[in-house]
Protein backbone atom coordinates (compact mmCIF):
# COMPACT_ATOMS: atom_id res chain seq x y z
CA MET A 1 35.53 -39.49 -74.47
CA ALA A 2 33.77 -38.81 -71.57
CA ASP A 3 32.96 -35.21 -72.69
CA GLU A 4 30.79 -36.58 -75.62
CA PRO A 5 27.79 -37.49 -73.82
CA THR A 6 27.54 -34.98 -72.04
CA GLY A 7 28.22 -32.23 -75.95
CA ILE A 8 25.36 -35.31 -77.78
CA LEU A 9 22.66 -34.78 -74.45
CA LYS A 10 23.93 -30.67 -74.60
CA ASP A 11 22.84 -30.41 -77.77
CA VAL A 12 19.52 -32.84 -77.04
CA ILE A 13 18.81 -30.04 -74.11
CA LEU A 14 19.65 -27.19 -76.19
CA GLY A 15 17.12 -28.51 -78.96
CA GLU A 16 14.80 -29.29 -77.35
CA ILE A 17 14.55 -25.72 -75.23
CA GLY A 18 14.23 -24.14 -79.12
CA GLY A 19 11.67 -26.78 -80.58
CA LYS A 20 9.89 -25.81 -77.70
CA ASN A 21 9.87 -22.72 -78.08
CA ALA A 22 9.06 -23.14 -82.16
CA ALA A 23 6.05 -24.66 -80.84
CA ILE A 24 4.95 -22.38 -78.07
CA HIS A 25 4.68 -19.62 -81.20
CA ALA A 26 3.44 -22.08 -83.56
CA TYR A 27 0.82 -22.54 -81.60
CA ASP A 28 0.04 -18.83 -80.66
CA GLY A 29 -0.24 -18.35 -84.44
CA ILE A 30 -2.86 -21.34 -84.69
CA ILE A 31 -5.02 -19.75 -82.07
CA TRP A 32 -4.95 -16.83 -83.49
CA LYS A 33 -6.30 -17.52 -87.14
CA ILE A 34 -8.92 -19.76 -85.29
CA ARG A 35 -9.72 -16.11 -82.90
CA THR A 36 -9.33 -14.14 -86.06
CA GLY A 37 -11.25 -15.88 -88.48
CA PHE A 38 -14.55 -17.17 -86.08
CA PRO A 39 -15.29 -13.58 -86.41
CA THR A 40 -14.79 -13.08 -89.92
CA LEU A 41 -17.13 -15.96 -91.38
CA MET A 42 -19.39 -15.11 -88.67
CA PHE A 43 -19.51 -11.34 -89.64
CA GLY A 44 -19.15 -12.15 -93.24
CA GLY A 45 -22.22 -14.73 -92.40
CA TRP A 46 -24.21 -12.23 -90.82
CA ALA A 47 -23.69 -9.34 -93.92
CA ILE A 48 -24.83 -11.40 -96.59
CA LEU A 49 -27.77 -12.55 -94.85
CA LEU A 50 -28.27 -8.32 -94.30
CA GLN A 51 -26.89 -7.59 -97.93
CA GLY A 52 -29.78 -9.72 -98.86
CA LEU A 53 -32.37 -7.85 -97.42
CA GLY A 54 -31.18 -4.94 -98.75
CA LYS A 55 -31.62 -6.07 -102.28
CA GLU A 56 -35.19 -7.24 -101.57
CA GLN A 57 -34.23 -10.69 -102.21
CA LEU A 58 -35.91 -12.27 -99.07
CA THR A 59 -39.13 -12.52 -98.99
CA PRO A 60 -40.69 -11.33 -94.56
CA ASN A 61 -42.57 -15.27 -94.56
CA ARG A 62 -38.95 -16.70 -95.26
CA LEU A 63 -37.01 -13.63 -93.26
CA PRO A 64 -37.78 -15.44 -90.09
CA ILE A 65 -36.24 -19.25 -91.05
CA LEU A 66 -33.28 -17.79 -92.99
CA VAL A 67 -32.17 -15.79 -89.87
CA ALA A 68 -33.24 -18.89 -86.92
CA ALA A 69 -30.69 -20.95 -89.95
CA MET A 70 -28.39 -18.42 -89.68
CA PHE A 71 -28.02 -18.14 -85.87
CA LEU A 72 -27.99 -21.55 -85.51
CA ILE A 73 -25.70 -22.35 -87.76
CA THR A 74 -23.39 -19.01 -85.95
CA VAL A 75 -24.04 -21.34 -82.97
CA GLY A 76 -21.91 -24.72 -84.28
CA LEU A 77 -19.14 -22.82 -85.59
CA CYS A 78 -19.23 -20.88 -82.29
CA LEU A 79 -19.51 -24.84 -80.52
CA SER A 80 -17.06 -25.92 -82.98
CA GLY A 81 -14.28 -22.57 -83.50
CA TRP A 82 -14.31 -22.64 -79.47
CA PHE A 83 -13.33 -26.46 -79.14
CA VAL A 84 -10.97 -26.24 -81.25
CA ASP A 85 -9.24 -23.32 -79.45
CA ARG A 86 -9.08 -25.24 -76.04
CA SER A 87 -6.97 -27.38 -77.87
CA TYR A 88 -4.74 -25.69 -78.89
CA THR A 89 -4.30 -23.73 -76.39
CA ARG A 90 -4.23 -27.08 -74.15
CA ARG A 91 -1.30 -27.71 -76.20
CA LYS A 92 0.43 -24.69 -76.13
CA PHE A 93 -0.10 -24.40 -72.82
CA ARG A 94 1.24 -28.03 -72.02
CA VAL A 95 4.33 -26.46 -74.07
CA ILE A 96 5.03 -23.66 -72.08
CA LEU A 97 4.58 -25.48 -68.97
CA ALA A 98 6.89 -28.50 -69.87
CA LEU A 99 9.48 -25.28 -70.94
CA ASN A 100 9.34 -24.42 -67.80
CA GLU A 101 9.58 -27.90 -65.56
CA LEU A 102 13.22 -27.71 -68.39
CA THR A 103 14.25 -24.78 -67.55
CA ARG A 104 13.65 -25.73 -63.79
CA ALA A 105 16.00 -28.71 -64.67
CA VAL A 106 18.88 -27.13 -65.68
CA ALA A 107 19.10 -25.00 -63.42
CA GLU A 108 18.88 -26.96 -60.70
CA GLY A 109 20.95 -29.43 -62.16
CA GLY A 110 24.02 -27.93 -63.31
CA ASP A 111 27.19 -29.28 -65.13
CA ASP A 112 25.04 -32.75 -64.42
CA LEU A 113 22.73 -32.50 -67.00
CA ARG A 114 22.32 -36.39 -67.13
CA SER A 115 19.90 -35.78 -63.99
CA ILE A 116 17.79 -34.05 -66.34
CA PRO A 117 14.34 -36.21 -66.97
CA TYR A 118 13.59 -38.01 -70.08
CA PRO A 119 9.61 -36.67 -70.37
CA LEU A 120 11.04 -33.30 -70.64
CA LEU A 121 12.86 -34.91 -73.44
CA THR A 122 10.04 -35.41 -75.62
CA VAL A 123 7.47 -34.33 -77.24
CA ALA A 124 4.82 -32.38 -74.85
CA GLY A 125 2.00 -30.12 -77.20
CA ASP A 126 0.18 -34.10 -77.69
CA ASP A 127 0.85 -35.57 -74.17
CA GLY A 128 -2.34 -35.70 -72.97
CA ASN A 129 -1.82 -37.15 -69.10
CA ARG A 130 0.91 -33.87 -69.25
CA GLU A 131 -0.35 -31.08 -67.39
CA PHE A 132 -1.32 -27.76 -68.49
CA ARG A 133 -3.53 -25.47 -66.27
CA CYS A 134 -2.19 -22.37 -64.61
CA LYS A 135 -3.12 -18.86 -64.86
CA GLY A 136 -1.88 -18.10 -68.06
CA TYR A 137 -3.80 -21.46 -69.63
CA GLN A 138 -7.55 -19.57 -67.42
CA GLN A 139 -6.56 -16.31 -69.11
CA ALA A 140 -6.46 -17.69 -72.56
CA VAL A 141 -9.69 -20.22 -72.40
CA THR A 142 -11.88 -16.74 -71.36
CA THR A 143 -9.98 -14.97 -74.17
CA GLY A 144 -10.95 -17.18 -76.02
CA ALA A 145 -14.65 -17.96 -74.36
CA VAL A 146 -15.37 -13.89 -75.23
CA VAL A 147 -14.17 -14.48 -78.93
CA PHE A 148 -16.33 -17.71 -79.96
CA PHE A 149 -19.70 -16.29 -77.26
CA GLY A 150 -19.42 -13.29 -77.00
CA PRO A 151 -20.58 -12.27 -80.36
CA VAL A 152 -23.70 -14.37 -79.73
CA ILE A 153 -25.24 -12.68 -76.84
CA PRO A 154 -25.62 -9.04 -79.00
CA LEU A 155 -26.54 -11.68 -81.78
CA ALA A 156 -29.46 -12.82 -79.45
CA ILE A 157 -31.18 -10.02 -77.66
CA ALA A 158 -30.99 -8.03 -81.13
CA LEU A 159 -32.29 -11.36 -82.77
CA TYR A 160 -35.78 -11.67 -79.94
CA PRO A 161 -37.77 -8.49 -81.95
CA LEU A 162 -38.25 -10.06 -85.24
CA VAL A 163 -38.40 -13.43 -83.55
CA ALA A 164 -40.88 -11.97 -81.07
CA TRP A 165 -42.86 -10.14 -84.06
CA TRP A 166 -42.81 -13.15 -86.15
CA ARG A 167 -45.42 -15.39 -83.43
């Protein structure tokens, strides 16, 4: 009878480890859908605009206004995507760090599973008080910034002659 709570606790801990691994992979999937969806929307929108130019559906006096509007939409899309991306990246790394802590506690606790702190057995991704900053997080944020803001810089450079011409 004394082993029964330990068996249940062992099942809870194993379930939590599996759940945290599943959550990490789910967050990865969400992050990469956001990161691949953004350029698809951005470049698709610009392709439609350029297609309209090729078909001469746009008059020269309307062109700068449409390009400026598209650029503002692009910047808004960049900022929105970046904020959502950072939110999910934080959640992912909260879970990663919690899994690392849980694994360490299990390894250090040996057979005494009751020594594992309760907060390590709770949902980590939504816990705003839980730490997320680590080397991997910094690299992921840098990657996200490049994905969301990298295309805007050459776009702004490419659009500058048009704006200068229109003035």
